[in-house]
N, C-alpha and C. Protein backbone atom coordinates (compact mmCIF):
# COMPACT_ATOMS: atom_id res chain seq x y z
N MET A 1 -12.06 5.32 38.31
CA MET A 1 -10.76 5.92 38.15
C MET A 1 -10.84 7.30 37.60
N HIS A 2 -10.23 8.23 38.29
CA HIS A 2 -10.32 9.67 37.93
C HIS A 2 -9.25 9.89 36.84
N ILE A 3 -9.68 10.57 35.75
CA ILE A 3 -8.82 10.92 34.68
C ILE A 3 -8.76 12.46 34.58
N ASP A 4 -7.51 13.02 34.58
CA ASP A 4 -7.32 14.41 34.45
C ASP A 4 -7.32 14.81 32.96
N PHE A 5 -8.62 15.19 32.44
CA PHE A 5 -8.72 15.40 30.99
C PHE A 5 -7.88 16.68 30.46
N LEU A 6 -7.77 17.58 31.46
CA LEU A 6 -6.95 18.77 31.03
C LEU A 6 -5.54 18.43 30.83
N PHE A 7 -5.07 17.55 31.63
CA PHE A 7 -3.61 17.07 31.51
C PHE A 7 -3.49 16.39 30.16
N TYR A 8 -4.44 15.58 29.73
CA TYR A 8 -4.36 14.86 28.41
C TYR A 8 -4.95 15.57 27.27
N LEU A 9 -5.35 16.81 27.47
CA LEU A 9 -6.00 17.66 26.41
C LEU A 9 -5.17 17.74 25.17
N PRO A 10 -3.91 18.05 25.29
CA PRO A 10 -3.04 18.13 23.99
C PRO A 10 -3.01 16.83 23.24
N GLU A 11 -2.94 15.73 24.01
CA GLU A 11 -3.03 14.35 23.31
C GLU A 11 -4.33 14.10 22.69
N ILE A 12 -5.39 14.51 23.37
CA ILE A 12 -6.81 14.29 22.86
C ILE A 12 -6.98 15.07 21.53
N LEU A 13 -6.57 16.40 21.55
CA LEU A 13 -6.60 17.20 20.42
C LEU A 13 -5.73 16.74 19.27
N SER A 14 -4.63 16.19 19.63
CA SER A 14 -3.71 15.60 18.51
C SER A 14 -4.31 14.40 17.84
N VAL A 15 -4.89 13.53 18.67
CA VAL A 15 -5.56 12.34 18.06
C VAL A 15 -6.75 12.66 17.22
N THR A 16 -7.58 13.68 17.73
CA THR A 16 -8.70 14.07 16.96
C THR A 16 -8.44 14.65 15.66
N VAL A 17 -7.42 15.55 15.59
CA VAL A 17 -6.99 16.15 14.33
C VAL A 17 -6.45 15.17 13.33
N ILE A 18 -5.54 14.23 13.90
CA ILE A 18 -5.08 13.13 13.04
C ILE A 18 -6.20 12.31 12.52
N ALA A 19 -7.21 11.99 13.40
CA ALA A 19 -8.37 11.11 13.04
C ALA A 19 -9.10 11.82 11.91
N ILE A 20 -9.25 12.95 11.91
CA ILE A 20 -10.05 13.74 10.79
C ILE A 20 -9.28 13.72 9.55
N PHE A 21 -7.96 13.97 9.54
CA PHE A 21 -7.22 13.96 8.33
C PHE A 21 -7.03 12.46 7.85
N MET A 22 -7.01 11.56 8.75
CA MET A 22 -6.88 10.11 8.45
C MET A 22 -8.08 9.72 7.67
N SER A 23 -9.18 10.14 8.09
CA SER A 23 -10.49 9.66 7.40
C SER A 23 -10.72 10.26 6.03
N ILE A 24 -10.37 11.57 5.93
CA ILE A 24 -10.67 12.31 4.60
C ILE A 24 -9.50 12.22 3.64
N SER A 25 -8.36 11.66 4.00
CA SER A 25 -7.33 11.58 3.04
C SER A 25 -7.69 10.42 2.03
N PRO A 26 -7.54 10.74 0.70
CA PRO A 26 -7.91 9.79 -0.34
C PRO A 26 -7.13 8.50 -0.20
N GLY A 27 -7.92 7.43 -0.42
CA GLY A 27 -7.29 6.07 -0.30
C GLY A 27 -8.18 4.98 -0.74
N ALA A 28 -7.83 3.78 -0.46
CA ALA A 28 -8.68 2.65 -0.83
C ALA A 28 -10.07 2.65 -0.21
N ASP A 29 -10.22 3.07 1.06
CA ASP A 29 -11.48 3.19 1.68
C ASP A 29 -12.47 4.13 0.91
N PHE A 30 -11.93 5.22 0.52
CA PHE A 30 -12.76 6.25 -0.15
C PHE A 30 -13.21 5.70 -1.61
N VAL A 31 -12.30 5.02 -2.25
CA VAL A 31 -12.66 4.45 -3.58
C VAL A 31 -13.69 3.36 -3.38
N MET A 32 -13.53 2.51 -2.32
CA MET A 32 -14.39 1.47 -2.18
C MET A 32 -15.83 1.96 -1.78
N VAL A 33 -15.99 2.94 -0.97
CA VAL A 33 -17.27 3.49 -0.67
C VAL A 33 -17.86 4.16 -1.86
N THR A 34 -17.07 4.86 -2.62
CA THR A 34 -17.57 5.49 -3.82
C THR A 34 -18.16 4.48 -4.82
N LYS A 35 -17.31 3.50 -5.07
CA LYS A 35 -17.70 2.35 -5.95
C LYS A 35 -19.04 1.68 -5.55
N ASN A 36 -19.13 1.36 -4.30
CA ASN A 36 -20.35 0.72 -3.90
C ASN A 36 -21.56 1.65 -3.95
N SER A 37 -21.33 3.00 -3.60
CA SER A 37 -22.46 3.75 -3.59
C SER A 37 -22.95 4.04 -5.06
N LEU A 38 -22.00 4.28 -6.03
CA LEU A 38 -22.37 4.57 -7.34
C LEU A 38 -22.91 3.41 -8.11
N PHE A 39 -22.30 2.27 -8.02
CA PHE A 39 -22.62 1.03 -8.86
C PHE A 39 -23.64 0.16 -8.18
N GLN A 40 -23.90 0.42 -6.95
CA GLN A 40 -24.98 -0.30 -6.19
C GLN A 40 -26.05 0.67 -5.85
N ASN A 41 -25.92 1.27 -4.62
CA ASN A 41 -26.95 2.32 -4.12
C ASN A 41 -26.24 2.90 -2.88
N ARG A 42 -26.99 3.95 -2.40
CA ARG A 42 -26.55 4.71 -1.22
C ARG A 42 -26.44 3.76 0.01
N LYS A 43 -27.34 2.84 0.13
CA LYS A 43 -27.35 1.99 1.28
C LYS A 43 -26.13 1.13 1.29
N ALA A 44 -25.65 0.64 0.16
CA ALA A 44 -24.47 -0.20 0.05
C ALA A 44 -23.23 0.62 0.52
N GLY A 45 -23.18 1.97 0.02
CA GLY A 45 -22.10 2.81 0.52
C GLY A 45 -22.12 3.02 1.93
N ILE A 46 -23.28 3.21 2.60
CA ILE A 46 -23.32 3.47 4.00
C ILE A 46 -22.99 2.22 4.80
N TYR A 47 -23.39 1.04 4.36
CA TYR A 47 -23.01 -0.21 4.95
C TYR A 47 -21.52 -0.40 4.87
N SER A 48 -20.89 0.00 3.78
CA SER A 48 -19.43 -0.07 3.67
C SER A 48 -18.80 0.87 4.68
N ALA A 49 -19.37 2.00 4.81
CA ALA A 49 -18.92 3.05 5.79
C ALA A 49 -18.98 2.47 7.19
N VAL A 50 -20.04 1.83 7.52
CA VAL A 50 -20.19 1.17 8.86
C VAL A 50 -19.08 0.06 9.04
N GLY A 51 -18.88 -0.67 7.98
CA GLY A 51 -17.81 -1.72 8.01
C GLY A 51 -16.40 -1.14 8.28
N ILE A 52 -16.10 -0.01 7.64
CA ILE A 52 -14.83 0.59 7.79
C ILE A 52 -14.75 1.14 9.22
N SER A 53 -15.76 1.69 9.85
CA SER A 53 -15.72 2.30 11.19
C SER A 53 -15.53 1.11 12.12
N LEU A 54 -16.07 0.01 11.90
CA LEU A 54 -15.96 -1.10 12.72
C LEU A 54 -14.58 -1.70 12.67
N ALA A 55 -14.05 -1.77 11.44
CA ALA A 55 -12.64 -2.26 11.27
C ALA A 55 -11.57 -1.45 12.05
N ILE A 56 -11.89 -0.21 12.24
CA ILE A 56 -11.02 0.70 12.95
C ILE A 56 -10.72 0.07 14.32
N TRP A 57 -11.74 -0.52 14.90
CA TRP A 57 -11.48 -1.09 16.21
C TRP A 57 -10.57 -2.39 16.29
N ILE A 58 -10.32 -2.91 15.12
CA ILE A 58 -9.33 -4.03 15.04
C ILE A 58 -7.95 -3.35 15.25
N HIS A 59 -7.77 -2.22 14.58
CA HIS A 59 -6.49 -1.50 14.75
C HIS A 59 -6.37 -0.93 16.13
N VAL A 60 -7.45 -0.55 16.77
CA VAL A 60 -7.45 -0.12 18.09
C VAL A 60 -7.06 -1.14 19.09
N ALA A 61 -7.60 -2.41 18.82
CA ALA A 61 -7.41 -3.48 19.70
C ALA A 61 -5.91 -3.89 19.74
N TYR A 62 -5.29 -4.03 18.58
CA TYR A 62 -3.91 -4.51 18.53
C TYR A 62 -3.01 -3.35 19.04
N SER A 63 -3.41 -2.11 18.89
CA SER A 63 -2.55 -1.02 19.32
C SER A 63 -2.52 -0.90 20.89
N ILE A 64 -3.77 -1.08 21.48
CA ILE A 64 -3.89 -1.07 22.89
C ILE A 64 -3.16 -2.27 23.55
N ALA A 65 -3.23 -3.45 22.81
CA ALA A 65 -2.58 -4.62 23.37
C ALA A 65 -1.12 -4.64 23.23
N GLY A 66 -0.55 -3.54 22.55
CA GLY A 66 0.84 -3.33 22.51
C GLY A 66 1.41 -4.01 21.23
N LEU A 67 0.49 -4.60 20.36
CA LEU A 67 1.01 -5.28 19.19
C LEU A 67 1.51 -4.24 18.15
N ALA A 68 1.09 -2.96 18.29
CA ALA A 68 1.47 -1.92 17.38
C ALA A 68 3.05 -1.82 17.35
N VAL A 69 3.61 -1.90 18.51
CA VAL A 69 5.08 -1.89 18.66
C VAL A 69 5.76 -3.15 18.04
N VAL A 70 5.05 -4.30 18.14
CA VAL A 70 5.58 -5.52 17.54
C VAL A 70 5.58 -5.38 16.04
N ILE A 71 4.41 -4.94 15.48
CA ILE A 71 4.28 -4.82 14.09
C ILE A 71 5.20 -3.80 13.51
N SER A 72 5.41 -2.71 14.16
CA SER A 72 6.24 -1.71 13.71
C SER A 72 7.83 -2.18 13.68
N ASN A 73 8.09 -3.14 14.49
CA ASN A 73 9.45 -3.72 14.50
C ASN A 73 9.60 -5.03 13.82
N SER A 74 8.50 -5.54 13.19
CA SER A 74 8.63 -6.78 12.43
C SER A 74 8.35 -6.46 10.94
N VAL A 75 9.46 -6.54 10.17
CA VAL A 75 9.33 -6.32 8.79
C VAL A 75 8.47 -7.50 8.15
N LEU A 76 8.60 -8.64 8.62
CA LEU A 76 7.88 -9.84 8.07
C LEU A 76 6.43 -9.65 8.28
N LEU A 77 5.98 -9.34 9.44
CA LEU A 77 4.61 -9.29 9.84
C LEU A 77 3.97 -8.08 9.16
N PHE A 78 4.62 -7.00 9.14
CA PHE A 78 4.01 -5.79 8.42
C PHE A 78 3.87 -6.11 6.90
N SER A 79 4.97 -6.77 6.31
CA SER A 79 5.03 -7.08 4.94
C SER A 79 3.77 -8.00 4.62
N PHE A 80 3.53 -8.92 5.47
CA PHE A 80 2.51 -9.89 5.34
C PHE A 80 1.16 -9.06 5.18
N ILE A 81 0.86 -8.22 6.13
CA ILE A 81 -0.37 -7.38 6.10
C ILE A 81 -0.42 -6.57 4.85
N LYS A 82 0.73 -6.05 4.44
CA LYS A 82 0.83 -5.11 3.28
C LYS A 82 0.42 -5.86 2.05
N TYR A 83 1.05 -7.06 1.85
CA TYR A 83 0.82 -7.77 0.58
C TYR A 83 -0.59 -8.32 0.51
N LEU A 84 -1.09 -8.77 1.66
CA LEU A 84 -2.48 -9.30 1.76
C LEU A 84 -3.51 -8.21 1.28
N GLY A 85 -3.22 -6.96 1.88
CA GLY A 85 -4.07 -5.91 1.54
C GLY A 85 -3.90 -5.46 0.07
N ALA A 86 -2.71 -5.56 -0.49
CA ALA A 86 -2.51 -5.19 -1.91
C ALA A 86 -3.20 -6.15 -2.77
N ALA A 87 -3.10 -7.44 -2.50
CA ALA A 87 -3.74 -8.46 -3.32
C ALA A 87 -5.36 -8.33 -3.27
N TYR A 88 -5.90 -7.97 -2.18
CA TYR A 88 -7.28 -7.79 -2.05
C TYR A 88 -7.74 -6.59 -2.99
N LEU A 89 -7.03 -5.49 -2.87
CA LEU A 89 -7.27 -4.25 -3.68
C LEU A 89 -7.20 -4.58 -5.18
N ILE A 90 -6.22 -5.29 -5.58
CA ILE A 90 -6.00 -5.64 -7.00
C ILE A 90 -7.09 -6.47 -7.45
N TYR A 91 -7.50 -7.49 -6.66
CA TYR A 91 -8.61 -8.43 -6.99
C TYR A 91 -9.89 -7.69 -7.16
N ILE A 92 -10.27 -6.82 -6.25
CA ILE A 92 -11.53 -6.04 -6.37
C ILE A 92 -11.41 -5.15 -7.58
N GLY A 93 -10.27 -4.48 -7.73
CA GLY A 93 -10.08 -3.47 -8.91
C GLY A 93 -10.24 -4.34 -10.25
N TRP A 94 -9.71 -5.46 -10.31
CA TRP A 94 -9.76 -6.22 -11.58
C TRP A 94 -11.17 -6.68 -11.92
N LYS A 95 -11.91 -6.99 -10.83
CA LYS A 95 -13.30 -7.42 -11.04
C LYS A 95 -14.12 -6.23 -11.53
N SER A 96 -13.78 -5.15 -11.01
CA SER A 96 -14.49 -3.86 -11.43
C SER A 96 -14.17 -3.47 -12.82
N PHE A 97 -12.92 -3.63 -13.13
CA PHE A 97 -12.38 -3.29 -14.49
C PHE A 97 -12.98 -4.16 -15.57
N GLN A 98 -13.17 -5.40 -15.28
CA GLN A 98 -13.66 -6.47 -16.14
C GLN A 98 -15.21 -6.34 -16.25
N ALA A 99 -15.89 -5.69 -15.39
CA ALA A 99 -17.36 -5.66 -15.43
C ALA A 99 -17.79 -4.93 -16.73
N ASN A 100 -18.87 -5.61 -17.31
CA ASN A 100 -19.40 -5.02 -18.47
C ASN A 100 -20.71 -4.28 -18.12
N THR A 101 -20.56 -3.05 -17.72
CA THR A 101 -21.82 -2.25 -17.37
C THR A 101 -22.51 -1.79 -18.52
N ALA A 102 -23.69 -2.37 -18.74
CA ALA A 102 -24.46 -1.96 -19.93
C ALA A 102 -24.97 -0.41 -19.70
N LEU A 103 -25.10 0.24 -20.80
CA LEU A 103 -25.39 1.61 -20.73
C LEU A 103 -26.90 1.79 -20.94
N ASP A 104 -27.60 0.69 -21.04
CA ASP A 104 -29.13 0.70 -21.10
C ASP A 104 -29.60 0.85 -19.69
N LEU A 105 -29.92 1.95 -19.22
CA LEU A 105 -30.27 2.17 -17.77
C LEU A 105 -31.71 1.69 -17.57
N THR A 106 -32.46 1.33 -18.54
CA THR A 106 -33.84 0.77 -18.35
C THR A 106 -33.72 -0.60 -17.68
N LYS A 107 -32.61 -1.22 -17.85
CA LYS A 107 -32.42 -2.57 -17.32
C LYS A 107 -31.85 -2.51 -15.96
N LYS A 108 -32.69 -2.61 -14.93
CA LYS A 108 -32.14 -2.41 -13.56
C LYS A 108 -31.32 -3.55 -13.05
N ASN A 109 -31.53 -4.74 -13.69
CA ASN A 109 -30.74 -5.84 -13.10
C ASN A 109 -29.50 -6.24 -13.94
N ASN A 110 -28.87 -5.18 -14.42
CA ASN A 110 -27.60 -5.36 -15.27
C ASN A 110 -26.51 -6.13 -14.54
N ARG A 111 -26.53 -6.04 -13.16
CA ARG A 111 -25.41 -6.59 -12.38
C ARG A 111 -26.08 -7.30 -11.19
N LYS A 112 -25.38 -8.16 -10.66
CA LYS A 112 -25.79 -8.87 -9.42
C LYS A 112 -25.73 -7.84 -8.32
N PRO A 113 -26.87 -7.66 -7.56
CA PRO A 113 -26.88 -6.69 -6.53
C PRO A 113 -26.07 -7.10 -5.34
N LEU A 114 -25.45 -6.12 -4.65
CA LEU A 114 -24.62 -6.37 -3.49
C LEU A 114 -25.46 -6.32 -2.25
N SER A 115 -25.41 -7.36 -1.50
CA SER A 115 -26.26 -7.38 -0.25
C SER A 115 -25.58 -6.48 0.75
N ASN A 116 -26.39 -6.05 1.73
CA ASN A 116 -25.99 -5.12 2.79
C ASN A 116 -24.83 -5.74 3.54
N LEU A 117 -24.94 -7.13 3.73
CA LEU A 117 -23.84 -7.78 4.49
C LEU A 117 -22.57 -7.82 3.71
N ALA A 118 -22.74 -8.04 2.35
CA ALA A 118 -21.46 -8.04 1.49
C ALA A 118 -20.81 -6.75 1.45
N ALA A 119 -21.58 -5.64 1.34
CA ALA A 119 -21.01 -4.22 1.36
C ALA A 119 -20.38 -3.98 2.75
N PHE A 120 -20.98 -4.41 3.80
CA PHE A 120 -20.46 -4.25 5.15
C PHE A 120 -19.06 -5.06 5.25
N LYS A 121 -18.99 -6.29 4.72
CA LYS A 121 -17.85 -7.03 4.78
C LYS A 121 -16.70 -6.38 3.94
N MET A 122 -17.08 -5.88 2.80
CA MET A 122 -15.98 -5.14 1.96
C MET A 122 -15.45 -4.01 2.72
N GLY A 123 -16.24 -3.31 3.41
CA GLY A 123 -15.77 -2.18 4.21
C GLY A 123 -14.78 -2.60 5.31
N ILE A 124 -15.15 -3.72 5.98
CA ILE A 124 -14.22 -4.23 6.99
C ILE A 124 -12.98 -4.71 6.43
N ILE A 125 -12.93 -5.52 5.43
CA ILE A 125 -11.77 -6.13 4.88
C ILE A 125 -10.81 -5.07 4.25
N THR A 126 -11.42 -4.04 3.54
CA THR A 126 -10.66 -3.00 2.96
C THR A 126 -9.87 -2.26 3.91
N ASN A 127 -10.53 -1.87 5.05
CA ASN A 127 -9.81 -1.15 6.07
C ASN A 127 -8.96 -1.90 6.86
N ALA A 128 -9.33 -3.08 7.29
CA ALA A 128 -8.52 -3.99 8.22
C ALA A 128 -7.18 -4.30 7.47
N LEU A 129 -7.22 -4.46 6.07
CA LEU A 129 -6.03 -4.87 5.43
C LEU A 129 -5.31 -3.62 4.73
N ASN A 130 -5.78 -2.45 5.14
CA ASN A 130 -5.20 -1.29 4.55
C ASN A 130 -3.94 -0.87 5.24
N PRO A 131 -2.82 -1.04 4.65
CA PRO A 131 -1.44 -0.59 5.32
C PRO A 131 -1.41 0.82 5.70
N LYS A 132 -2.14 1.65 4.98
CA LYS A 132 -2.07 3.08 5.28
C LYS A 132 -2.72 3.30 6.63
N THR A 133 -3.82 2.61 6.95
CA THR A 133 -4.37 2.65 8.32
C THR A 133 -3.54 2.10 9.32
N THR A 134 -2.85 0.98 9.04
CA THR A 134 -2.03 0.34 9.94
C THR A 134 -0.87 1.30 10.37
N LEU A 135 -0.28 2.02 9.34
CA LEU A 135 0.78 2.93 9.50
C LEU A 135 0.30 4.13 10.43
N PHE A 136 -0.99 4.61 10.16
CA PHE A 136 -1.49 5.65 11.01
C PHE A 136 -1.55 5.21 12.45
N PHE A 137 -2.02 4.04 12.69
CA PHE A 137 -2.17 3.59 14.06
C PHE A 137 -0.80 3.33 14.71
N LEU A 138 0.12 2.83 13.92
CA LEU A 138 1.51 2.73 14.42
C LEU A 138 2.05 4.07 14.89
N SER A 139 1.83 5.04 14.08
CA SER A 139 2.25 6.38 14.34
C SER A 139 1.53 6.92 15.59
N ILE A 140 0.22 6.79 15.64
CA ILE A 140 -0.52 7.43 16.78
C ILE A 140 -0.18 6.73 18.10
N PHE A 141 -0.12 5.38 18.12
CA PHE A 141 -0.01 4.64 19.43
C PHE A 141 1.50 4.46 19.83
N THR A 142 2.43 4.87 18.91
CA THR A 142 3.77 4.78 19.31
C THR A 142 4.50 6.16 19.42
N GLN A 143 3.90 7.15 18.78
CA GLN A 143 4.49 8.52 18.77
C GLN A 143 3.57 9.50 19.53
N VAL A 144 2.27 9.36 19.50
CA VAL A 144 1.36 10.42 20.02
C VAL A 144 0.88 10.09 21.42
N VAL A 145 0.32 8.83 21.44
CA VAL A 145 -0.26 8.37 22.81
C VAL A 145 0.82 7.91 23.64
N ASN A 146 0.81 8.56 24.89
CA ASN A 146 1.80 8.06 25.92
C ASN A 146 1.47 6.71 26.39
N PRO A 147 2.49 5.87 26.63
CA PRO A 147 2.25 4.53 27.14
C PRO A 147 1.50 4.48 28.43
N ASP A 148 1.61 5.69 29.21
CA ASP A 148 0.92 5.66 30.53
C ASP A 148 -0.52 6.19 30.41
N THR A 149 -0.99 6.55 29.21
CA THR A 149 -2.35 6.98 29.06
C THR A 149 -3.33 5.92 29.47
N PRO A 150 -4.37 6.25 30.30
CA PRO A 150 -5.24 5.27 30.92
C PRO A 150 -6.01 4.60 29.71
N LEU A 151 -6.33 3.33 29.95
CA LEU A 151 -7.08 2.45 29.00
C LEU A 151 -8.34 3.20 28.53
N LEU A 152 -9.11 3.71 29.47
CA LEU A 152 -10.39 4.33 29.11
C LEU A 152 -10.18 5.48 28.18
N LEU A 153 -9.03 6.12 28.27
CA LEU A 153 -8.80 7.30 27.35
C LEU A 153 -8.45 6.79 25.92
N GLN A 154 -7.60 5.64 26.00
CA GLN A 154 -7.21 5.06 24.74
C GLN A 154 -8.43 4.54 23.94
N LEU A 155 -9.48 4.06 24.69
CA LEU A 155 -10.65 3.55 24.10
C LEU A 155 -11.52 4.77 23.51
N LEU A 156 -11.39 5.90 24.23
CA LEU A 156 -12.02 7.11 23.71
C LEU A 156 -11.35 7.53 22.39
N TYR A 157 -10.02 7.33 22.37
CA TYR A 157 -9.32 7.68 21.04
C TYR A 157 -9.88 6.77 19.90
N GLY A 158 -10.05 5.54 20.23
CA GLY A 158 -10.55 4.63 19.28
C GLY A 158 -11.94 5.08 18.73
N ALA A 159 -12.84 5.46 19.67
CA ALA A 159 -14.07 5.89 19.43
C ALA A 159 -14.13 7.14 18.51
N ILE A 160 -13.14 8.08 18.79
CA ILE A 160 -13.10 9.27 18.05
C ILE A 160 -12.67 8.96 16.62
N ILE A 161 -11.67 8.05 16.50
CA ILE A 161 -11.22 7.70 15.12
C ILE A 161 -12.26 6.94 14.29
N SER A 162 -13.00 6.10 15.05
CA SER A 162 -14.04 5.33 14.42
C SER A 162 -15.18 6.16 13.98
N LEU A 163 -15.56 7.15 14.86
CA LEU A 163 -16.67 8.05 14.47
C LEU A 163 -16.29 8.91 13.34
N ALA A 164 -15.07 9.49 13.32
CA ALA A 164 -14.64 10.27 12.23
C ALA A 164 -14.79 9.58 10.90
N HIS A 165 -14.39 8.29 10.88
CA HIS A 165 -14.48 7.54 9.62
C HIS A 165 -15.96 7.30 9.27
N LEU A 166 -16.78 6.99 10.27
CA LEU A 166 -18.21 6.69 10.01
C LEU A 166 -18.87 7.95 9.40
N ILE A 167 -18.69 9.09 10.08
CA ILE A 167 -19.32 10.31 9.59
C ILE A 167 -18.79 10.75 8.17
N TRP A 168 -17.46 10.64 7.87
CA TRP A 168 -17.00 11.07 6.67
C TRP A 168 -17.48 10.18 5.52
N PHE A 169 -17.41 8.82 5.72
CA PHE A 169 -17.73 7.98 4.60
C PHE A 169 -19.25 7.88 4.38
N CYS A 170 -20.07 8.18 5.36
CA CYS A 170 -21.50 8.21 5.26
C CYS A 170 -21.73 9.42 4.42
N MET A 171 -21.11 10.64 4.73
CA MET A 171 -21.22 11.80 3.98
C MET A 171 -20.87 11.56 2.48
N VAL A 172 -19.86 10.82 2.26
CA VAL A 172 -19.43 10.48 0.84
C VAL A 172 -20.46 9.67 0.13
N ALA A 173 -21.10 8.74 0.84
CA ALA A 173 -22.08 7.87 0.18
C ALA A 173 -23.36 8.70 -0.07
N VAL A 174 -23.69 9.67 0.80
CA VAL A 174 -24.95 10.52 0.57
C VAL A 174 -24.64 11.43 -0.58
N PHE A 175 -23.50 12.08 -0.53
CA PHE A 175 -23.23 13.14 -1.61
C PHE A 175 -23.04 12.51 -2.95
N ILE A 176 -22.39 11.45 -3.03
CA ILE A 176 -22.00 10.85 -4.29
C ILE A 176 -23.27 10.22 -5.04
N THR A 177 -24.32 10.04 -4.23
CA THR A 177 -25.54 9.48 -4.79
C THR A 177 -26.69 10.59 -4.86
N HIS A 178 -26.28 11.74 -4.81
CA HIS A 178 -27.16 12.86 -5.05
C HIS A 178 -27.63 12.84 -6.49
N PRO A 179 -28.97 13.08 -6.71
CA PRO A 179 -29.40 13.02 -8.19
C PRO A 179 -28.68 13.83 -9.15
N SER A 180 -28.17 15.05 -8.78
CA SER A 180 -27.43 15.84 -9.71
C SER A 180 -26.17 15.20 -10.14
N TRP A 181 -25.49 14.52 -9.26
CA TRP A 181 -24.28 13.68 -9.52
C TRP A 181 -24.59 12.51 -10.45
N LEU A 182 -25.68 11.84 -9.97
CA LEU A 182 -26.03 10.57 -10.69
C LEU A 182 -26.34 10.79 -12.08
N GLY A 183 -26.94 11.86 -12.42
CA GLY A 183 -27.26 12.21 -13.83
C GLY A 183 -25.98 12.22 -14.66
N LEU A 184 -24.89 12.86 -14.21
CA LEU A 184 -23.67 12.86 -14.91
C LEU A 184 -22.99 11.53 -14.85
N PHE A 185 -23.03 10.79 -13.76
CA PHE A 185 -22.46 9.55 -13.62
C PHE A 185 -23.08 8.49 -14.65
N ASN A 186 -24.40 8.53 -14.82
CA ASN A 186 -25.03 7.64 -15.68
C ASN A 186 -24.65 7.68 -17.12
N ARG A 187 -24.21 8.91 -17.57
CA ARG A 187 -23.71 9.09 -18.91
C ARG A 187 -22.37 8.48 -19.24
N TYR A 188 -21.62 8.29 -18.17
CA TYR A 188 -20.27 7.81 -18.26
C TYR A 188 -20.04 6.55 -17.38
N LYS A 189 -21.07 5.84 -17.13
CA LYS A 189 -21.01 4.76 -16.15
C LYS A 189 -19.95 3.72 -16.46
N ASN A 190 -19.95 3.19 -17.75
CA ASN A 190 -19.01 2.21 -18.10
C ASN A 190 -17.57 2.64 -17.95
N LYS A 191 -17.19 3.81 -18.41
CA LYS A 191 -15.91 4.32 -18.33
C LYS A 191 -15.51 4.60 -16.88
N ILE A 192 -16.38 5.14 -16.07
CA ILE A 192 -16.08 5.41 -14.72
C ILE A 192 -15.82 4.11 -13.94
N GLU A 193 -16.50 3.10 -14.18
CA GLU A 193 -16.30 1.82 -13.46
C GLU A 193 -14.93 1.23 -13.85
N LYS A 194 -14.52 1.36 -15.09
CA LYS A 194 -13.19 0.84 -15.45
C LYS A 194 -12.14 1.73 -14.88
N GLY A 195 -12.39 3.05 -14.69
CA GLY A 195 -11.46 3.94 -14.17
C GLY A 195 -11.33 3.61 -12.61
N VAL A 196 -12.41 3.29 -11.95
CA VAL A 196 -12.41 3.00 -10.53
C VAL A 196 -11.53 1.65 -10.37
N GLY A 197 -11.87 0.68 -11.28
CA GLY A 197 -11.07 -0.55 -11.22
C GLY A 197 -9.57 -0.35 -11.32
N LEU A 198 -9.21 0.52 -12.35
CA LEU A 198 -7.83 0.80 -12.48
C LEU A 198 -7.27 1.51 -11.22
N LEU A 199 -8.04 2.41 -10.63
CA LEU A 199 -7.61 3.16 -9.45
C LEU A 199 -7.36 2.12 -8.30
N LEU A 200 -8.18 1.23 -8.10
CA LEU A 200 -8.10 0.16 -7.01
C LEU A 200 -6.81 -0.64 -7.32
N ILE A 201 -6.65 -1.08 -8.61
CA ILE A 201 -5.43 -1.76 -8.96
C ILE A 201 -4.18 -0.98 -8.68
N GLY A 202 -4.25 0.29 -9.06
CA GLY A 202 -3.17 1.22 -8.86
C GLY A 202 -2.85 1.36 -7.37
N PHE A 203 -3.83 1.46 -6.47
CA PHE A 203 -3.59 1.48 -5.05
C PHE A 203 -2.98 0.20 -4.57
N GLY A 204 -3.40 -0.90 -5.08
CA GLY A 204 -2.83 -2.24 -4.67
C GLY A 204 -1.42 -2.37 -5.08
N LEU A 205 -1.11 -1.89 -6.30
CA LEU A 205 0.32 -1.92 -6.80
C LEU A 205 1.15 -0.99 -5.91
N LYS A 206 0.64 0.25 -5.64
CA LYS A 206 1.38 1.17 -4.88
C LYS A 206 1.71 0.56 -3.44
N VAL A 207 0.78 -0.10 -2.95
CA VAL A 207 0.96 -0.68 -1.56
C VAL A 207 1.99 -1.80 -1.67
N ALA A 208 1.88 -2.62 -2.70
CA ALA A 208 2.76 -3.74 -2.85
C ALA A 208 4.29 -3.36 -3.02
N PHE A 209 4.51 -2.25 -3.82
CA PHE A 209 5.82 -1.83 -4.05
C PHE A 209 6.37 -0.71 -3.20
N SER A 210 5.48 -0.39 -2.18
CA SER A 210 5.95 0.74 -1.29
C SER A 210 6.88 0.31 -0.24
N SER A 211 7.68 1.20 0.22
CA SER A 211 8.64 0.83 1.30
C SER A 211 7.92 0.57 2.59
N ASN A 212 8.50 -0.24 3.45
CA ASN A 212 7.87 -0.47 4.87
C ASN A 212 8.19 0.61 5.82
N GLY A 213 9.08 1.58 5.36
CA GLY A 213 9.41 2.56 6.28
C GLY A 213 8.42 3.69 6.48
């Protein structure tokens, strides 16, 4: 099937710009990757980033299937997604806030290590249940992408959005675990973890009490 890319160029550029801003805008995904990178290791942060980029395809799938329109018009369905995501963020935030991070850095096993699979799953769940991401996709596939846009091109949009998230959050994981930053982090480790926990709880509460509009 021949696709006139020049005809769809404005749409491609619009989706690309939105994808970049969508990935770098602060939110639960950013906090989750930062938390796993700092309190576990760089690999945990990268696996979380991979999970986030894979979860993007869940949003792509329901958007292409036309469910984006259904979700955007169903207060009950969107509210269910919203409250489920809020509950997950509050749960993870509360666990982080309660954690007793010992300041004795000579003890490497102060906390239970997070497996690569667990970090990957956290990335998937955080993004899949993130109402902010759902709203972005509702906006893109109901306002930006033309209903007549070929399926292959819509899949390309999904790849662009997924890749933007993967690149950005891998960069976050690498930057946040740089030795110069870790030195500062180690001095305030306990306070930072509680702060991150409160931030996640705050995101959860913001999601729970936000308007569906």
